[in-house]
Structure formats: structure tokens, C-alpha cells
PDB file of N, CA and C in Angstrom:
ATOM      1  N   MET A   1       0.643  -1.030  -0.267  1.00  0.00           N
ATOM      2  CA  MET A   1      -0.244   0.159   0.003  1.00  0.00           C
ATOM      3  C   MET A   1       0.700   1.336   0.172  1.00  0.00           C
ATOM      4  N   PRO A   2       1.374   1.452   0.432  1.00  0.00           N
ATOM      5  CA  PRO A   2       2.621   2.781   0.885  1.00  0.00           C
ATOM      6  C   PRO A   2       3.242   2.772  -1.032  1.00  0.00           C
ATOM      7  N   SER A   3       3.159   1.878  -1.551  1.00  0.00           N
ATOM      8  CA  SER A   3       4.381   2.168  -2.810  1.00  0.00           C
ATOM      9  C   SER A   3       2.967   3.204  -3.826  1.00  0.00           C
ATOM     10  N   VAL A   4       1.688   2.663  -3.543  1.00  0.00           N
ATOM     11  CA  VAL A   4       0.872   2.911  -4.700  1.00  0.00           C
ATOM     12  C   VAL A   4       0.415   4.115  -3.717  1.00  0.00           C
ATOM     13  N   ALA A   5       1.240   5.416  -2.384  1.00  0.00           N
ATOM     14  CA  ALA A   5       0.193   6.169  -1.991  1.00  0.00           C
ATOM     15  C   ALA A   5       1.517   6.818  -2.435  1.00  0.00           C
ATOM     16  N   LEU A   6       2.534   6.485  -2.382  1.00  0.00           N
ATOM     17  CA  LEU A   6       3.828   7.197  -3.172  1.00  0.00           C
ATOM     18  C   LEU A   6       3.905   7.332  -4.874  1.00  0.00           C
ATOM     19  N   ALA A   7       3.336   6.702  -5.266  1.00  0.00           N
ATOM     20  CA  ALA A   7       2.914   6.603  -6.772  1.00  0.00           C
ATOM     21  C   ALA A   7       1.941   7.465  -6.781  1.00  0.00           C
ATOM     22  N   VAL A   8       0.602   7.386  -6.129  1.00  0.00           N
ATOM     23  CA  VAL A   8      -0.381   8.332  -6.559  1.00  0.00           C
ATOM     24  C   VAL A   8       0.032   9.969  -5.774  1.00  0.00           C
ATOM     25  N   ALA A   9       1.523  10.196  -5.010  1.00  0.00           N
ATOM     26  CA  ALA A   9       1.195  10.975  -4.151  1.00  0.00           C
ATOM     27  C   ALA A   9       2.310  12.030  -5.469  1.00  0.00           C
ATOM     28  N   LEU A  10       3.277  11.188  -5.960  1.00  0.00           N
ATOM     29  CA  LEU A  10       4.249  11.641  -6.919  1.00  0.00           C
ATOM     30  C   LEU A  10       3.582  11.941  -8.635  1.00  0.00           C
ATOM     31  N   CYS A  11       2.842  10.929  -8.782  1.00  0.00           N
ATOM     32  CA  CYS A  11       0.893  12.243  -9.788  1.00  0.00           C
ATOM     33  C   CYS A  11       0.889  13.241  -9.286  1.00  0.00           C
ATOM     34  N   ALA A  12       0.508  13.630  -7.689  1.00  0.00           N
ATOM     35  CA  ALA A  12      -0.601  14.719  -8.169  1.00  0.00           C
ATOM     36  C   ALA A  12       0.710  15.721  -7.815  1.00  0.00           C
ATOM     37  N   MET A  13       2.141  15.728  -7.404  1.00  0.00           N
ATOM     38  CA  MET A  13       3.160  16.667  -7.447  1.00  0.00           C
ATOM     39  C   MET A  13       3.969  16.940  -8.810  1.00  0.00           C
ATOM     40  N   VAL A  14       3.196  15.940  -9.797  1.00  0.00           N
ATOM     41  CA  VAL A  14       3.422  16.412 -10.814  1.00  0.00           C
ATOM     42  C   VAL A  14       2.285  16.964 -12.374  1.00  0.00           C
ATOM     43  N   ALA A  15       0.621  17.079 -11.622  1.00  0.00           N
ATOM     44  CA  ALA A  15      -0.098  17.301 -12.098  1.00  0.00           C
ATOM     45  C   ALA A  15      -0.045  18.899 -11.064  1.00  0.00           C
ATOM     46  N   THR A  16       0.440  18.940  -9.815  1.00  0.00           N
ATOM     47  CA  THR A  16       0.385  20.666 -10.203  1.00  0.00           C
ATOM     48  C   THR A  16       1.065  21.538 -11.617  1.00  0.00           C
ATOM     49  N   ALA A  17       2.180  20.811 -12.332  1.00  0.00           N
ATOM     50  CA  ALA A  17       3.139  21.969 -12.821  1.00  0.00           C
ATOM     51  C   ALA A  17       1.902  21.889 -14.896  1.00  0.00           C
ATOM     52  N   LEU A  18       1.028  21.276 -14.174  1.00  0.00           N
ATOM     53  CA  LEU A  18       0.027  20.839 -15.599  1.00  0.00           C
ATOM     54  C   LEU A  18      -0.851  21.960 -16.048  1.00  0.00           C
ATOM     55  N   PRO A  19      -1.457  22.482 -17.249  1.00  0.00           N
ATOM     56  CA  PRO A  19      -2.111  23.922 -17.214  1.00  0.00           C
ATOM     57  C   PRO A  19      -3.291  23.005 -16.808  1.00  0.00           C
ATOM     58  N   SER A  20      -4.565  23.554 -17.576  1.00  0.00           N
ATOM     59  CA  SER A  20      -4.938  23.781 -16.527  1.00  0.00           C
ATOM     60  C   SER A  20      -7.101  22.306 -15.767  1.00  0.00           C
ATOM     61  N   PRO A  21      -6.753  22.201 -16.132  1.00  0.00           N
ATOM     62  CA  PRO A  21      -7.503  20.291 -15.749  1.00  0.00           C
ATOM     63  C   PRO A  21      -6.160  20.069 -14.260  1.00  0.00           C
ATOM     64  N   GLY A  22      -5.301  20.525 -14.652  1.00  0.00           N
ATOM     65  CA  GLY A  22      -3.820  20.160 -13.975  1.00  0.00           C
ATOM     66  C   GLY A  22      -4.057  19.920 -11.870  1.00  0.00           C
ATOM     67  N   LEU A  23      -4.622  21.288 -12.224  1.00  0.00           N
ATOM     68  CA  LEU A  23      -4.849  22.494 -10.349  1.00  0.00           C
ATOM     69  C   LEU A  23      -6.206  20.884  -9.627  1.00  0.00           C
ATOM     70  N   PHE A  24      -6.533  20.519 -10.718  1.00  0.00           N
ATOM     71  CA  PHE A  24      -7.779  20.093 -10.142  1.00  0.00           C
ATOM     72  C   PHE A  24      -7.748  17.917  -9.843  1.00  0.00           C
ATOM     73  N   VAL A  25      -6.902  18.037 -10.499  1.00  0.00           N
ATOM     74  CA  VAL A  25      -6.587  16.361 -11.053  1.00  0.00           C
ATOM     75  C   VAL A  25      -5.394  16.087  -9.714  1.00  0.00           C
ATOM     76  N   ALA A  26      -4.863  17.707  -9.249  1.00  0.00           N
ATOM     77  CA  ALA A  26      -3.548  17.473  -8.670  1.00  0.00           C
ATOM     78  C   ALA A  26      -4.280  17.759  -6.794  1.00  0.00           C
ATOM     79  N   ILE A  27      -5.553  18.022  -6.526  1.00  0.00           N
ATOM     80  CA  ILE A  27      -6.869  18.296  -5.638  1.00  0.00           C
ATOM     81  C   ILE A  27      -7.002  16.717  -5.262  1.00  0.00           C
ATOM     82  N   GLY A  28      -7.165  16.458  -6.321  1.00  0.00           N
ATOM     83  CA  GLY A  28      -7.641  15.125  -5.988  1.00  0.00           C
ATOM     84  C   GLY A  28      -6.759  13.845  -5.874  1.00  0.00           C
ATOM     85  N   LEU A  29      -5.655  13.743  -6.707  1.00  0.00           N
ATOM     86  CA  LEU A  29      -5.147  12.833  -6.039  1.00  0.00           C
ATOM     87  C   LEU A  29      -4.032  13.217  -5.208  1.00  0.00           C
ATOM     88  N   GLY A  30      -3.770  14.711  -4.044  1.00  0.00           N
ATOM     89  CA  GLY A  30      -3.583  14.940  -3.236  1.00  0.00           C
ATOM     90  C   GLY A  30      -4.390  14.297  -2.147  1.00  0.00           C
ATOM     91  N   ILE A  31      -5.694  14.160  -2.486  1.00  0.00           N
ATOM     92  CA  ILE A  31      -6.507  13.301  -1.655  1.00  0.00           C
ATOM     93  C   ILE A  31      -6.473  12.555  -0.986  1.00  0.00           C
ATOM     94  N   ALA A  32      -6.194  11.459  -2.128  1.00  0.00           N
ATOM     95  CA  ALA A  32      -6.233   9.700  -2.632  1.00  0.00           C
ATOM     96  C   ALA A  32      -4.398  10.159  -1.919  1.00  0.00           C
ATOM     97  N   ALA A  33      -3.206  10.441  -2.411  1.00  0.00           N
ATOM     98  CA  ALA A  33      -2.589  10.094  -1.486  1.00  0.00           C
ATOM     99  C   ALA A  33      -2.588  10.475  -0.173  1.00  0.00           C
ATOM    100  N   ILE A  34      -3.599  11.274   0.101  1.00  0.00           N
ATOM    101  CA  ILE A  34      -2.844  11.797   1.952  1.00  0.00           C
ATOM    102  C   ILE A  34      -3.943  10.451   2.490  1.00  0.00           C
ATOM    103  N   GLY A  35      -4.882   9.885   1.449  1.00  0.00           N
ATOM    104  CA  GLY A  35      -5.226   8.642   2.116  1.00  0.00           C
ATOM    105  C   GLY A  35      -4.755   7.044   2.141  1.00  0.00           C
ATOM    106  N   THR A  36      -4.094   7.037   1.141  1.00  0.00           N
ATOM    107  CA  THR A  36      -3.303   6.128   0.966  1.00  0.00           C
ATOM    108  C   THR A  36      -3.008   6.031   1.766  1.00  0.00           C
ATOM    109  N   GLY A  37      -1.760   6.910   2.340  1.00  0.00           N
ATOM    110  CA  GLY A  37      -0.627   7.314   3.200  1.00  0.00           C
ATOM    111  C   GLY A  37      -1.103   7.016   4.585  1.00  0.00           C
ATOM    112  N   TRP A  38      -2.183   7.317   5.042  1.00  0.00           N
ATOM    113  CA  TRP A  38      -2.549   7.155   6.578  1.00  0.00           C
ATOM    114  C   TRP A  38      -2.724   5.851   5.975  1.00  0.00           C
ATOM    115  N   LEU A  39      -3.590   5.197   5.502  1.00  0.00           N
ATOM    116  CA  LEU A  39      -3.955   3.632   5.827  1.00  0.00           C
ATOM    117  C   LEU A  39      -2.456   2.966   5.428  1.00  0.00           C
ATOM    118  N   GLY A  40      -1.423   2.753   4.937  1.00  0.00           N
ATOM    119  CA  GLY A  40       0.103   2.453   5.057  1.00  0.00           C
ATOM    120  C   GLY A  40       0.661   2.854   6.244  1.00  0.00           C
ATOM    121  N   TYR A  41       0.391   4.391   7.120  1.00  0.00           N
ATOM    122  CA  TYR A  41       1.225   4.417   7.682  1.00  0.00           C
ATOM    123  C   TYR A  41       0.639   3.949   9.510  1.00  0.00           C
ATOM    124  N   ARG A  42      -0.569   4.057   9.255  1.00  0.00           N
ATOM    125  CA  ARG A  42      -1.164   3.051   9.961  1.00  0.00           C
ATOM    126  C   ARG A  42      -1.203   1.553  10.834  1.00  0.00           C
ATOM    127  N   THR A  43      -0.525   1.458  10.134  1.00  0.00           N
ATOM    128  CA  THR A  43      -0.788  -0.594  10.243  1.00  0.00           C
ATOM    129  C   THR A  43       0.333  -0.514  10.931  1.00  0.00           C
ATOM    130  N   ARG A  44       0.908  -0.830  12.153  1.00  0.00           N
ATOM    131  CA  ARG A  44       1.457  -1.248  13.337  1.00  0.00           C
ATOM    132  C   ARG A  44       2.392  -2.528  12.668  1.00  0.00           C
ATOM    133  N   GLY A  45       1.879  -3.520  12.368  1.00  0.00           N
ATOM    134  CA  GLY A  45       3.103  -4.454  12.263  1.00  0.00           C
ATOM    135  C   GLY A  45       3.932  -3.456  11.300  1.00  0.00           C
ATOM    136  N   ALA A  46       3.800  -3.042  10.132  1.00  0.00           N
ATOM    137  CA  ALA A  46       4.720  -3.077   9.341  1.00  0.00           C
ATOM    138  C   ALA A  46       6.119  -2.642   9.668  1.00  0.00           C
ATOM    139  N   PRO A  47       7.301  -3.253   8.655  1.00  0.00           N
ATOM    140  CA  PRO A  47       8.765  -2.864   8.400  1.00  0.00           C
ATOM    141  C   PRO A  47       8.774  -0.782   8.527  1.00  0.00           C
ATOM    142  N   GLY A  48       9.816  -0.410   8.940  1.00  0.00           N
ATOM    143  CA  GLY A  48       9.709   0.982   9.302  1.00  0.00           C
ATOM    144  C   GLY A  48       9.914   1.587   7.866  1.00  0.00           C
ATOM    145  N   PHE A  49      10.197   1.366   7.053  1.00  0.00           N
ATOM    146  CA  PHE A  49      10.296   1.540   5.472  1.00  0.00           C
ATOM    147  C   PHE A  49       9.191   2.601   5.516  1.00  0.00           C
ATOM    148  N   ARG A  50       8.629   0.767   5.330  1.00  0.00           N
ATOM    149  CA  ARG A  50       7.263   1.667   4.716  1.00  0.00           C
ATOM    150  C   ARG A  50       5.723   1.716   5.544  1.00  0.00           C
ATOM    151  N   ARG A  51       5.829   2.349   6.854  1.00  0.00           N
ATOM    152  CA  ARG A  51       5.307   3.443   7.439  1.00  0.00           C
ATOM    153  C   ARG A  51       5.893   4.995   7.151  1.00  0.00           C
ATOM    154  N   LEU A  52       7.044   4.865   6.674  1.00  0.00           N
ATOM    155  CA  LEU A  52       8.099   6.384   6.055  1.00  0.00           C
ATOM    156  C   LEU A  52       7.316   6.675   5.111  1.00  0.00           C
ATOM    157  N   ALA A  53       7.157   5.183   4.127  1.00  0.00           N
ATOM    158  CA  ALA A  53       7.049   5.554   2.973  1.00  0.00           C
ATOM    159  C   ALA A  53       5.422   5.910   3.281  1.00  0.00           C
ATOM    160  N   GLY A  54       4.324   5.686   4.003  1.00  0.00           N
ATOM    161  CA  GLY A  54       3.389   6.245   4.345  1.00  0.00           C
ATOM    162  C   GLY A  54       2.940   7.615   4.106  1.00  0.00           C
ATOM    163  N   ALA A  55       4.140   8.046   5.363  1.00  0.00           N
ATOM    164  CA  ALA A  55       4.286   9.642   5.821  1.00  0.00           C
ATOM    165  C   ALA A  55       4.935  10.303   4.780  1.00  0.00           C
ATOM    166  N   ALA A  56       5.791   9.705   4.110  1.00  0.00           N
ATOM    167  CA  ALA A  56       6.234  10.176   3.054  1.00  0.00           C
ATOM    168  C   ALA A  56       4.856  10.870   2.040  1.00  0.00           C
ATOM    169  N   ALA A  57       4.237   9.909   1.276  1.00  0.00           N
ATOM    170  CA  ALA A  57       3.828   9.815   0.772  1.00  0.00           C
ATOM    171  C   ALA A  57       1.848  11.449   1.400  1.00  0.00           C
ATOM    172  N   ILE A  58       1.695  10.877   2.951  1.00  0.00           N
ATOM    173  CA  ILE A  58       0.842  12.325   3.151  1.00  0.00           C
ATOM    174  C   ILE A  58       1.788  13.085   2.939  1.00  0.00           C
ATOM    175  N   THR A  59       2.445  13.658   3.794  1.00  0.00           N
ATOM    176  CA  THR A  59       3.867  14.827   3.267  1.00  0.00           C
ATOM    177  C   THR A  59       3.059  15.374   1.781  1.00  0.00           C
ATOM    178  N   ILE A  60       3.590  14.709   1.412  1.00  0.00           N
ATOM    179  CA  ILE A  60       3.688  15.097  -0.392  1.00  0.00           C
ATOM    180  C   ILE A  60       2.139  15.307  -1.345  1.00  0.00           C
ATOM    181  N   GLY A  61       1.234  14.404  -0.744  1.00  0.00           N
ATOM    182  CA  GLY A  61      -0.351  14.588  -1.165  1.00  0.00           C
ATOM    183  C   GLY A  61      -0.424  15.524  -0.582  1.00  0.00           C
ATOM    184  N   ALA A  62      -0.248  16.423   0.929  1.00  0.00           N
ATOM    185  CA  ALA A  62      -0.581  18.285   1.501  1.00  0.00           C
ATOM    186  C   ALA A  62       0.012  18.733   0.537  1.00  0.00           C
ATOM    187  N   MET A  63       1.414  18.455   0.499  1.00  0.00           N
ATOM    188  CA  MET A  63       1.257  19.575  -0.103  1.00  0.00           C
ATOM    189  C   MET A  63       1.193  19.984  -1.935  1.00  0.00           C
ATOM    190  N   SER A  64       0.716  19.224  -2.383  1.00  0.00           N
ATOM    191  CA  SER A  64       0.135  19.350  -3.953  1.00  0.00           C
ATOM    192  C   SER A  64      -1.218  19.386  -3.757  1.00  0.00           C
ATOM    193  N   CYS A  65      -1.567  19.223  -3.229  1.00  0.00           N
ATOM    194  CA  CYS A  65      -3.382  19.131  -2.458  1.00  0.00           C
ATOM    195  C   CYS A  65      -3.183  21.000  -2.493  1.00  0.00           C
ATOM    196  N   SER A  66      -2.418  21.241  -1.358  1.00  0.00           N
ATOM    197  CA  SER A  66      -2.507  23.111  -0.633  1.00  0.00           C
ATOM    198  C   SER A  66      -1.780  23.578  -2.016  1.00  0.00           C
ATOM    199  N   LEU A  67      -0.857  22.963  -3.062  1.00  0.00           N
ATOM    200  CA  LEU A  67      -0.442  23.760  -4.076  1.00  0.00           C
ATOM    201  C   LEU A  67      -2.094  23.521  -5.413  1.00  0.00           C
ATOM    202  N   GLY A  68      -2.839  22.733  -5.404  1.00  0.00           N
ATOM    203  CA  GLY A  68      -3.387  22.774  -6.224  1.00  0.00           C
ATOM    204  C   GLY A  68      -4.406  24.159  -5.629  1.00  0.00           C
ATOM    205  N   MET A  69      -5.139  23.815  -4.360  1.00  0.00           N
ATOM    206  CA  MET A  69      -6.133  24.929  -3.863  1.00  0.00           C
ATOM    207  C   MET A  69      -5.198  26.231  -4.555  1.00  0.00           C
ATOM    208  N   LEU A  70      -3.895  26.635  -3.728  1.00  0.00           N
ATOM    209  CA  LEU A  70      -3.833  27.991  -4.461  1.00  0.00           C
ATOM    210  C   LEU A  70      -3.743  28.872  -5.818  1.00  0.00           C
ATOM    211  N   ARG A  71      -3.777  27.380  -6.295  1.00  0.00           N
ATOM    212  CA  ARG A  71      -3.883  27.713  -8.017  1.00  0.00           C
ATOM    213  C   ARG A  71      -5.356  28.166  -8.472  1.00  0.00           C
ATOM    214  N   VAL A  72      -5.983  27.318  -7.848  1.00  0.00           N
ATOM    215  CA  VAL A  72      -7.148  27.338  -7.380  1.00  0.00           C
ATOM    216  C   VAL A  72      -7.676  28.898  -7.546  1.00  0.00           C
ATOM    217  N   VAL A  73      -7.298  29.512  -6.138  1.00  0.00           N
ATOM    218  CA  VAL A  73      -7.492  31.364  -5.668  1.00  0.00           C
ATOM    219  C   VAL A  73      -6.962  31.726  -6.088  1.00  0.00           C
ATOM    220  N   LEU A  74      -5.769  32.019  -6.699  1.00  0.00           N
ATOM    221  CA  LEU A  74      -5.161  33.066  -7.602  1.00  0.00           C
ATOM    222  C   LEU A  74      -5.833  33.030  -9.006  1.00  0.00           C
ATOM    223  N   ALA A  75      -6.427  31.714  -9.067  1.00  0.00           N
ATOM    224  CA  ALA A  75      -7.320  31.985 -10.394  1.00  0.00           C
ATOM    225  C   ALA A  75      -8.629  32.605 -10.222  1.00  0.00           C
ATOM    226  N   LEU A  76      -9.002  32.332  -9.013  1.00  0.00           N
ATOM    227  CA  LEU A  76     -10.642  33.221  -9.631  1.00  0.00           C
ATOM    228  C   LEU A  76      -9.874  34.879  -8.577  1.00  0.00           C
ATOM    229  N   ALA A  77      -8.982  35.387  -8.031  1.00  0.00           N
ATOM    230  CA  ALA A  77      -8.629  35.972  -7.861  1.00  0.00           C
ATOM    231  C   ALA A  77      -8.230  36.878  -9.018  1.00  0.00           C
ATOM    232  N   ALA A  78      -7.555  36.197 -10.198  1.00  0.00           N
ATOM    233  CA  ALA A  78      -7.414  36.896 -11.555  1.00  0.00           C
ATOM    234  C   ALA A  78      -8.748  37.572 -12.275  1.00  0.00           C
ATOM    235  N   ILE A  79      -9.662  35.853 -11.930  1.00  0.00           N
ATOM    236  CA  ILE A  79     -10.938  36.539 -12.574  1.00  0.00           C
ATOM    237  C   ILE A  79     -11.344  37.370 -12.341  1.00  0.00           C
ATOM    238  N   ASP A  80     -11.503  37.964 -10.888  1.00  0.00           N
ATOM    239  CA  ASP A  80     -12.425  39.343 -10.184  1.00  0.00           C
ATOM    240  C   ASP A  80     -11.337  39.975 -10.317  1.00  0.00           C
ATOM    241  N   ARG A  81     -10.153  40.319 -10.567  1.00  0.00           N
ATOM    242  CA  ARG A  81      -9.599  41.337 -10.637  1.00  0.00           C
ATOM    243  C   ARG A  81      -9.929  42.284 -12.522  1.00  0.00           C
ATOM    244  N   LEU A  82     -10.245  41.426 -13.590  1.00  0.00           N
ATOM    245  CA  LEU A  82     -10.635  41.431 -14.858  1.00  0.00           C
ATOM    246  C   LEU A  82     -12.318  41.595 -14.703  1.00  0.00           C
ATOM    247  N   ASP A  83     -12.512  41.287 -13.574  1.00  0.00           N
ATOM    248  CA  ASP A  83     -14.250  41.513 -13.438  1.00  0.00           C
ATOM    249  C   ASP A  83     -14.461  42.958 -12.711  1.00  0.00           C
ATOM    250  N   GLN A  84     -13.471  43.225 -12.441  1.00  0.00           N
ATOM    251  CA  GLN A  84     -13.233  44.889 -11.530  1.00  0.00           C
ATOM    252  C   GLN A  84     -12.540  46.197 -12.489  1.00  0.00           C
ATOM    253  N   MET A  85     -11.057  45.673 -13.512  1.00  0.00           N
ATOM    254  CA  MET A  85     -11.621  46.039 -14.734  1.00  0.00           C
ATOM    255  C   MET A  85     -12.211  46.779 -16.042  1.00  0.00           C
ATOM    256  N   LEU A  86     -12.832  45.534 -15.628  1.00  0.00           N
ATOM    257  CA  LEU A  86     -14.319  45.955 -17.150  1.00  0.00           C
ATOM    258  C   LEU A  86     -15.155  47.329 -16.267  1.00  0.00           C
ATOM    259  N   GLY A  87     -15.443  47.256 -15.192  1.00  0.00           N
ATOM    260  CA  GLY A  87     -16.389  47.759 -15.170  1.00  0.00           C
ATOM    261  C   GLY A  87     -17.424  47.782 -14.593  1.00  0.00           C
ATOM    262  N   PRO A  88     -18.333  48.522 -14.041  1.00  0.00           N
ATOM    263  CA  PRO A  88     -19.769  47.443 -13.639  1.00  0.00           C
ATOM    264  C   PRO A  88     -20.487  47.606 -15.505  1.00  0.00           C
ATOM    265  N   ARG A  89     -20.817  46.761 -14.807  1.00  0.00           N
ATOM    266  CA  ARG A  89     -21.966  45.912 -16.609  1.00  0.00           C
ATOM    267  C   ARG A  89     -23.843  46.579 -16.254  1.00  0.00           C
TER     268      ARG A  89
END
């Protein structure tokens, strides 16, 4: 499970750099990486590397999810600024 979580987290990080639908994919894959990383981390009988990989997937997933959300906020702020520049209708 931790290897799947790391793969999903790395795909989410790559999706943060992609154009338009990439930000939504990054948010979705980031949430998936956090969930699968948590499942991999909480297995107490797993070796240390697997638990560490789960924790890394949680961290990378959270970073990519927050970067995706930041891109959404910046896009909405740019749209609002353009709307203000056009003036009242």
C-alpha cells in the first residue's frame, strides 16, 4: 500500500505543474495520496520503511493538494480583478 500511496503522491505533484485541469487533478490525487498514505502509515506491524513511505505520501499529498488549492484561489482572484477592470455593466 505505501508504494501505491507514493506513486499517487508523485502523480499529484506532477499534476500541480500541468495546465488547466491539472490543478483539479492535483487536488483529487493529493486527497487520495493522503488517504492511502494514512492507511499505509497506521499499520503497526509493517516495517519501518513502509510506515515512513506512508508518512512521506501524506506529506507530498498535502503539499500538492495545497498547491492545487492555491492555484484555484489565484485563478479566482485573477478573474475577479479582470471583472473589476471591465467596470460596471
